[in-house]
């Protein structure tokens, strides 16, 4: 559980960086956090349109 929590914190931090979005803007914390948890738990439930919102740096 500690490993999963650490990964969520790291990925959320990376998604909060402006380089992570295609428009080079800051992401809201809830969007970044839910995206990180969803991706790491393999649910894959997107909050925003992945292809339009996130940059290719995240892929």
PDB file of N, CA and C in Angstrom:
ATOM      1  N   UNK A   1       0.805  -1.184   0.000  1.00  0.00           N
ATOM      2  CA  UNK A   1       0.000   0.000   0.000  1.00  0.00           C
ATOM      3  C   UNK A   1       0.855   1.258   0.000  1.00  0.00           C
ATOM      4  N   UNK A   2       1.982   1.179   0.656  1.00  0.00           N
ATOM      5  CA  UNK A   2       2.886   2.333   0.675  1.00  0.00           C
ATOM      6  C   UNK A   2       3.415   2.596  -0.731  1.00  0.00           C
ATOM      7  N   UNK A   3       3.758   1.536  -1.445  1.00  0.00           N
ATOM      8  CA  UNK A   3       4.261   1.665  -2.811  1.00  0.00           C
ATOM      9  C   UNK A   3       3.192   2.275  -3.718  1.00  0.00           C
ATOM     10  N   UNK A   4       1.962   1.807  -3.606  1.00  0.00           N
ATOM     11  CA  UNK A   4       0.861   2.326  -4.415  1.00  0.00           C
ATOM     12  C   UNK A   4       0.617   3.801  -4.085  1.00  0.00           C
ATOM     13  N   UNK A   5       0.647   4.155  -2.810  1.00  0.00           N
ATOM     14  CA  UNK A   5       0.477   5.547  -2.404  1.00  0.00           C
ATOM     15  C   UNK A   5       1.590   6.439  -2.916  1.00  0.00           C
ATOM     16  N   UNK A   6       2.818   5.935  -2.866  1.00  0.00           N
ATOM     17  CA  UNK A   6       3.959   6.705  -3.368  1.00  0.00           C
ATOM     18  C   UNK A   6       3.840   6.926  -4.876  1.00  0.00           C
ATOM     19  N   UNK A   7       3.423   5.909  -5.594  1.00  0.00           N
ATOM     20  CA  UNK A   7       3.242   6.057  -7.039  1.00  0.00           C
ATOM     21  C   UNK A   7       2.160   7.074  -7.369  1.00  0.00           C
ATOM     22  N   UNK A   8       1.083   7.064  -6.603  1.00  0.00           N
ATOM     23  CA  UNK A   8       0.007   8.034  -6.826  1.00  0.00           C
ATOM     24  C   UNK A   8       0.530   9.449  -6.612  1.00  0.00           C
ATOM     25  N   UNK A   9       1.315   9.657  -5.579  1.00  0.00           N
ATOM     26  CA  UNK A   9       1.865  10.989  -5.303  1.00  0.00           C
ATOM     27  C   UNK A   9       2.805  11.432  -6.422  1.00  0.00           C
ATOM     28  N   UNK A  10       3.661  10.538  -6.877  1.00  0.00           N
ATOM     29  CA  UNK A  10       4.624  10.878  -7.933  1.00  0.00           C
ATOM     30  C   UNK A  10       3.913  11.179  -9.247  1.00  0.00           C
ATOM     31  N   UNK A  11       2.990  10.315  -9.646  1.00  0.00           N
ATOM     32  CA  UNK A  11       2.294  10.510 -10.923  1.00  0.00           C
ATOM     33  C   UNK A  11       1.410  11.747 -10.869  1.00  0.00           C
ATOM     34  N   UNK A  12       0.751  11.992  -9.753  1.00  0.00           N
ATOM     35  CA  UNK A  12      -0.054  13.208  -9.612  1.00  0.00           C
ATOM     36  C   UNK A  12       0.828  14.445  -9.753  1.00  0.00           C
ATOM     37  N   UNK A  13       1.988  14.418  -9.135  1.00  0.00           N
ATOM     38  CA  UNK A  13       2.915  15.539  -9.255  1.00  0.00           C
ATOM     39  C   UNK A  13       3.359  15.772 -10.689  1.00  0.00           C
ATOM     40  N   UNK A  14       3.617  14.700 -11.402  1.00  0.00           N
ATOM     41  CA  UNK A  14       4.024  14.835 -12.803  1.00  0.00           C
ATOM     42  C   UNK A  14       2.883  15.368 -13.668  1.00  0.00           C
ATOM     43  N   UNK A  15       1.666  14.933 -13.385  1.00  0.00           N
ATOM     44  CA  UNK A  15       0.526  15.413 -14.164  1.00  0.00           C
ATOM     45  C   UNK A  15       0.177  16.861 -13.858  1.00  0.00           C
ATOM     46  N   UNK A  16       0.597  17.367 -12.713  1.00  0.00           N
ATOM     47  CA  UNK A  16       0.353  18.771 -12.374  1.00  0.00           C
ATOM     48  C   UNK A  16       1.289  19.729 -13.108  1.00  0.00           C
ATOM     49  N   UNK A  17       2.372  19.220 -13.677  1.00  0.00           N
ATOM     50  CA  UNK A  17       3.320  20.071 -14.398  1.00  0.00           C
ATOM     51  C   UNK A  17       2.686  20.619 -15.675  1.00  0.00           C
ATOM     52  N   UNK A  18       2.975  21.865 -16.031  1.00  0.00           N
ATOM     53  CA  UNK A  18       2.401  22.431 -17.255  1.00  0.00           C
ATOM     54  C   UNK A  18       2.799  21.672 -18.519  1.00  0.00           C
ATOM     55  N   UNK A  19       3.963  21.045 -18.527  1.00  0.00           N
ATOM     56  CA  UNK A  19       4.397  20.309 -19.718  1.00  0.00           C
ATOM     57  C   UNK A  19       3.525  19.076 -19.980  1.00  0.00           C
ATOM     58  N   UNK A  20       2.748  18.671 -19.002  1.00  0.00           N
ATOM     59  CA  UNK A  20       1.906  17.485 -19.141  1.00  0.00           C
ATOM     60  C   UNK A  20       0.667  17.734 -19.990  1.00  0.00           C
ATOM     61  N   UNK A  21       0.269  18.985 -20.141  1.00  0.00           N
ATOM     62  CA  UNK A  21      -0.925  19.291 -20.925  1.00  0.00           C
ATOM     63  C   UNK A  21      -0.536  19.784 -22.312  1.00  0.00           C
ATOM     64  N   UNK A  22      -1.441  19.602 -23.239  1.00  0.00           N
ATOM     65  CA  UNK A  22      -1.148  20.020 -24.615  1.00  0.00           C
ATOM     66  C   UNK A  22      -1.163  21.545 -24.755  1.00  0.00           C
ATOM     67  N   UNK A  23      -1.881  22.249 -23.885  1.00  0.00           N
ATOM     68  CA  UNK A  23      -1.943  23.715 -23.935  1.00  0.00           C
ATOM     69  C   UNK A  23      -0.920  24.390 -23.032  1.00  0.00           C
ATOM     70  N   UNK A  24      -0.055  23.608 -22.381  1.00  0.00           N
ATOM     71  CA  UNK A  24       0.962  24.115 -21.446  1.00  0.00           C
ATOM     72  C   UNK A  24       0.296  24.974 -20.354  1.00  0.00           C
ATOM     73  N   UNK A  25      -0.694  24.401 -19.684  1.00  0.00           N
ATOM     74  CA  UNK A  25      -1.378  25.064 -18.569  1.00  0.00           C
ATOM     75  C   UNK A  25      -1.290  24.157 -17.348  1.00  0.00           C
ATOM     76  N   UNK A  26      -1.553  24.715 -16.178  1.00  0.00           N
ATOM     77  CA  UNK A  26      -1.578  23.911 -14.960  1.00  0.00           C
ATOM     78  C   UNK A  26      -2.880  23.121 -14.892  1.00  0.00           C
ATOM     79  N   UNK A  27      -2.796  21.902 -14.419  1.00  0.00           N
ATOM     80  CA  UNK A  27      -3.956  21.032 -14.271  1.00  0.00           C
ATOM     81  C   UNK A  27      -4.503  21.165 -12.859  1.00  0.00           C
ATOM     82  N   UNK A  28      -5.824  21.081 -12.724  1.00  0.00           N
ATOM     83  CA  UNK A  28      -6.434  21.075 -11.400  1.00  0.00           C
ATOM     84  C   UNK A  28      -6.008  19.819 -10.659  1.00  0.00           C
ATOM     85  N   UNK A  29      -5.839  19.945  -9.344  1.00  0.00           N
ATOM     86  CA  UNK A  29      -5.416  18.802  -8.543  1.00  0.00           C
ATOM     87  C   UNK A  29      -6.382  17.619  -8.646  1.00  0.00           C
ATOM     88  N   UNK A  30      -7.707  17.825  -8.553  1.00  0.00           N
ATOM     89  CA  UNK A  30      -8.607  16.664  -8.638  1.00  0.00           C
ATOM     90  C   UNK A  30      -8.500  15.902  -9.961  1.00  0.00           C
ATOM     91  N   UNK A  31      -8.300  16.626 -11.058  1.00  0.00           N
ATOM     92  CA  UNK A  31      -8.164  15.966 -12.368  1.00  0.00           C
ATOM     93  C   UNK A  31      -6.886  15.138 -12.406  1.00  0.00           C
ATOM     94  N   UNK A  32      -5.785  15.713 -11.954  1.00  0.00           N
ATOM     95  CA  UNK A  32      -4.509  14.999 -11.952  1.00  0.00           C
ATOM     96  C   UNK A  32      -4.546  13.804 -11.004  1.00  0.00           C
ATOM     97  N   UNK A  33      -5.118  13.981  -9.829  1.00  0.00           N
ATOM     98  CA  UNK A  33      -5.185  12.899  -8.841  1.00  0.00           C
ATOM     99  C   UNK A  33      -6.059  11.755  -9.335  1.00  0.00           C
ATOM    100  N   UNK A  34      -7.251  12.061  -9.849  1.00  0.00           N
ATOM    101  CA  UNK A  34      -8.144  11.003 -10.322  1.00  0.00           C
ATOM    102  C   UNK A  34      -7.561  10.291 -11.526  1.00  0.00           C
ATOM    103  N   UNK A  35      -6.899  11.022 -12.413  1.00  0.00           N
ATOM    104  CA  UNK A  35      -6.259  10.402 -13.574  1.00  0.00           C
ATOM    105  C   UNK A  35      -5.147   9.458 -13.134  1.00  0.00           C
ATOM    106  N   UNK A  36      -4.355   9.874 -12.153  1.00  0.00           N
ATOM    107  CA  UNK A  36      -3.263   9.039 -11.652  1.00  0.00           C
ATOM    108  C   UNK A  36      -3.794   7.768 -11.000  1.00  0.00           C
ATOM    109  N   UNK A  37      -4.790   7.908 -10.149  1.00  0.00           N
ATOM    110  CA  UNK A  37      -5.364   6.740  -9.468  1.00  0.00           C
ATOM    111  C   UNK A  37      -6.021   5.813 -10.484  1.00  0.00           C
ATOM    112  N   UNK A  38      -6.726   6.369 -11.431  1.00  0.00           N
ATOM    113  CA  UNK A  38      -7.390   5.566 -12.442  1.00  0.00           C
ATOM    114  C   UNK A  38      -6.392   4.812 -13.313  1.00  0.00           C
ATOM    115  N   UNK A  39      -5.310   5.471 -13.685  1.00  0.00           N
ATOM    116  CA  UNK A  39      -4.301   4.821 -14.523  1.00  0.00           C
ATOM    117  C   UNK A  39      -3.543   3.741 -13.762  1.00  0.00           C
ATOM    118  N   UNK A  40      -3.226   3.998 -12.507  1.00  0.00           N
ATOM    119  CA  UNK A  40      -2.457   3.024 -11.733  1.00  0.00           C
ATOM    120  C   UNK A  40      -3.294   1.847 -11.268  1.00  0.00           C
ATOM    121  N   UNK A  41      -4.582   2.032 -11.148  1.00  0.00           N
ATOM    122  CA  UNK A  41      -5.440   0.922 -10.724  1.00  0.00           C
ATOM    123  C   UNK A  41      -6.041   0.184 -11.914  1.00  0.00           C
ATOM    124  N   UNK A  42      -5.666   0.543 -13.096  1.00  0.00           N
ATOM    125  CA  UNK A  42      -6.101  -0.043 -14.372  1.00  0.00           C
ATOM    126  C   UNK A  42      -7.599   0.061 -14.599  1.00  0.00           C
ATOM    127  N   UNK A  43      -8.259   1.027 -13.946  1.00  0.00           N
ATOM    128  CA  UNK A  43      -9.679   1.267 -14.236  1.00  0.00           C
ATOM    129  C   UNK A  43      -9.825   1.928 -15.599  1.00  0.00           C
ATOM    130  N   UNK A  44      -8.984   2.937 -15.840  1.00  0.00           N
ATOM    131  CA  UNK A  44      -8.990   3.624 -17.115  1.00  0.00           C
ATOM    132  C   UNK A  44     -10.181   4.536 -17.325  1.00  0.00           C
ATOM    133  N   UNK A  45     -10.743   5.076 -16.249  1.00  0.00           N
ATOM    134  CA  UNK A  45     -11.870   5.992 -16.373  1.00  0.00           C
ATOM    135  C   UNK A  45     -11.316   7.408 -16.534  1.00  0.00           C
ATOM    136  N   UNK A  46     -11.445   8.000 -17.725  1.00  0.00           N
ATOM    137  CA  UNK A  46     -10.871   9.343 -17.931  1.00  0.00           C
ATOM    138  C   UNK A  46     -11.800  10.442 -17.430  1.00  0.00           C
ATOM    139  N   UNK A  47     -11.217  11.506 -16.914  1.00  0.00           N
ATOM    140  CA  UNK A  47     -11.970  12.686 -16.488  1.00  0.00           C
ATOM    141  C   UNK A  47     -12.032  13.678 -17.643  1.00  0.00           C
ATOM    142  N   UNK A  48     -10.935  13.775 -18.373  1.00  0.00           N
ATOM    143  CA  UNK A  48     -10.841  14.659 -19.534  1.00  0.00           C
ATOM    144  C   UNK A  48     -10.505  13.797 -20.752  1.00  0.00           C
ATOM    145  N   UNK A  49     -10.703  14.356 -21.933  1.00  0.00           N
ATOM    146  CA  UNK A  49     -10.356  13.642 -23.156  1.00  0.00           C
ATOM    147  C   UNK A  49      -8.843  13.494 -23.224  1.00  0.00           C
ATOM    148  N   UNK A  50      -8.369  12.280 -23.121  1.00  0.00           N
ATOM    149  CA  UNK A  50      -6.939  12.016 -23.014  1.00  0.00           C
ATOM    150  C   UNK A  50      -6.157  12.520 -24.218  1.00  0.00           C
ATOM    151  N   UNK A  51      -6.639  12.281 -25.409  1.00  0.00           N
ATOM    152  CA  UNK A  51      -5.931  12.672 -26.618  1.00  0.00           C
ATOM    153  C   UNK A  51      -5.827  14.170 -26.817  1.00  0.00           C
ATOM    154  N   UNK A  52      -6.808  14.910 -26.328  1.00  0.00           N
ATOM    155  CA  UNK A  52      -6.807  16.358 -26.511  1.00  0.00           C
ATOM    156  C   UNK A  52      -6.176  17.104 -25.339  1.00  0.00           C
ATOM    157  N   UNK A  53      -6.324  16.597 -24.134  1.00  0.00           N
ATOM    158  CA  UNK A  53      -5.885  17.338 -22.953  1.00  0.00           C
ATOM    159  C   UNK A  53      -4.415  17.104 -22.615  1.00  0.00           C
ATOM    160  N   UNK A  54      -3.984  15.863 -22.592  1.00  0.00           N
ATOM    161  CA  UNK A  54      -2.614  15.541 -22.186  1.00  0.00           C
ATOM    162  C   UNK A  54      -1.664  15.609 -23.365  1.00  0.00           C
ATOM    163  N   UNK A  55      -0.442  16.003 -23.120  1.00  0.00           N
ATOM    164  CA  UNK A  55       0.562  16.089 -24.175  1.00  0.00           C
ATOM    165  C   UNK A  55       1.179  14.709 -24.420  1.00  0.00           C
ATOM    166  N   UNK A  56       1.981  14.600 -25.456  1.00  0.00           N
ATOM    167  CA  UNK A  56       2.639  13.324 -25.747  1.00  0.00           C
ATOM    168  C   UNK A  56       3.755  13.035 -24.763  1.00  0.00           C
ATOM    169  N   UNK A  57       4.173  14.017 -23.977  1.00  0.00           N
ATOM    170  CA  UNK A  57       5.184  13.807 -22.940  1.00  0.00           C
ATOM    171  C   UNK A  57       4.667  12.830 -21.899  1.00  0.00           C
ATOM    172  N   UNK A  58       3.381  12.805 -21.663  1.00  0.00           N
ATOM    173  CA  UNK A  58       2.789  11.917 -20.664  1.00  0.00           C
ATOM    174  C   UNK A  58       2.654  10.481 -21.167  1.00  0.00           C
ATOM    175  N   UNK A  59       2.641  10.311 -22.442  1.00  0.00           N
ATOM    176  CA  UNK A  59       2.354   8.976 -22.994  1.00  0.00           C
ATOM    177  C   UNK A  59       3.471   8.058 -22.723  1.00  0.00           C
TER     178      UNK A  59
END
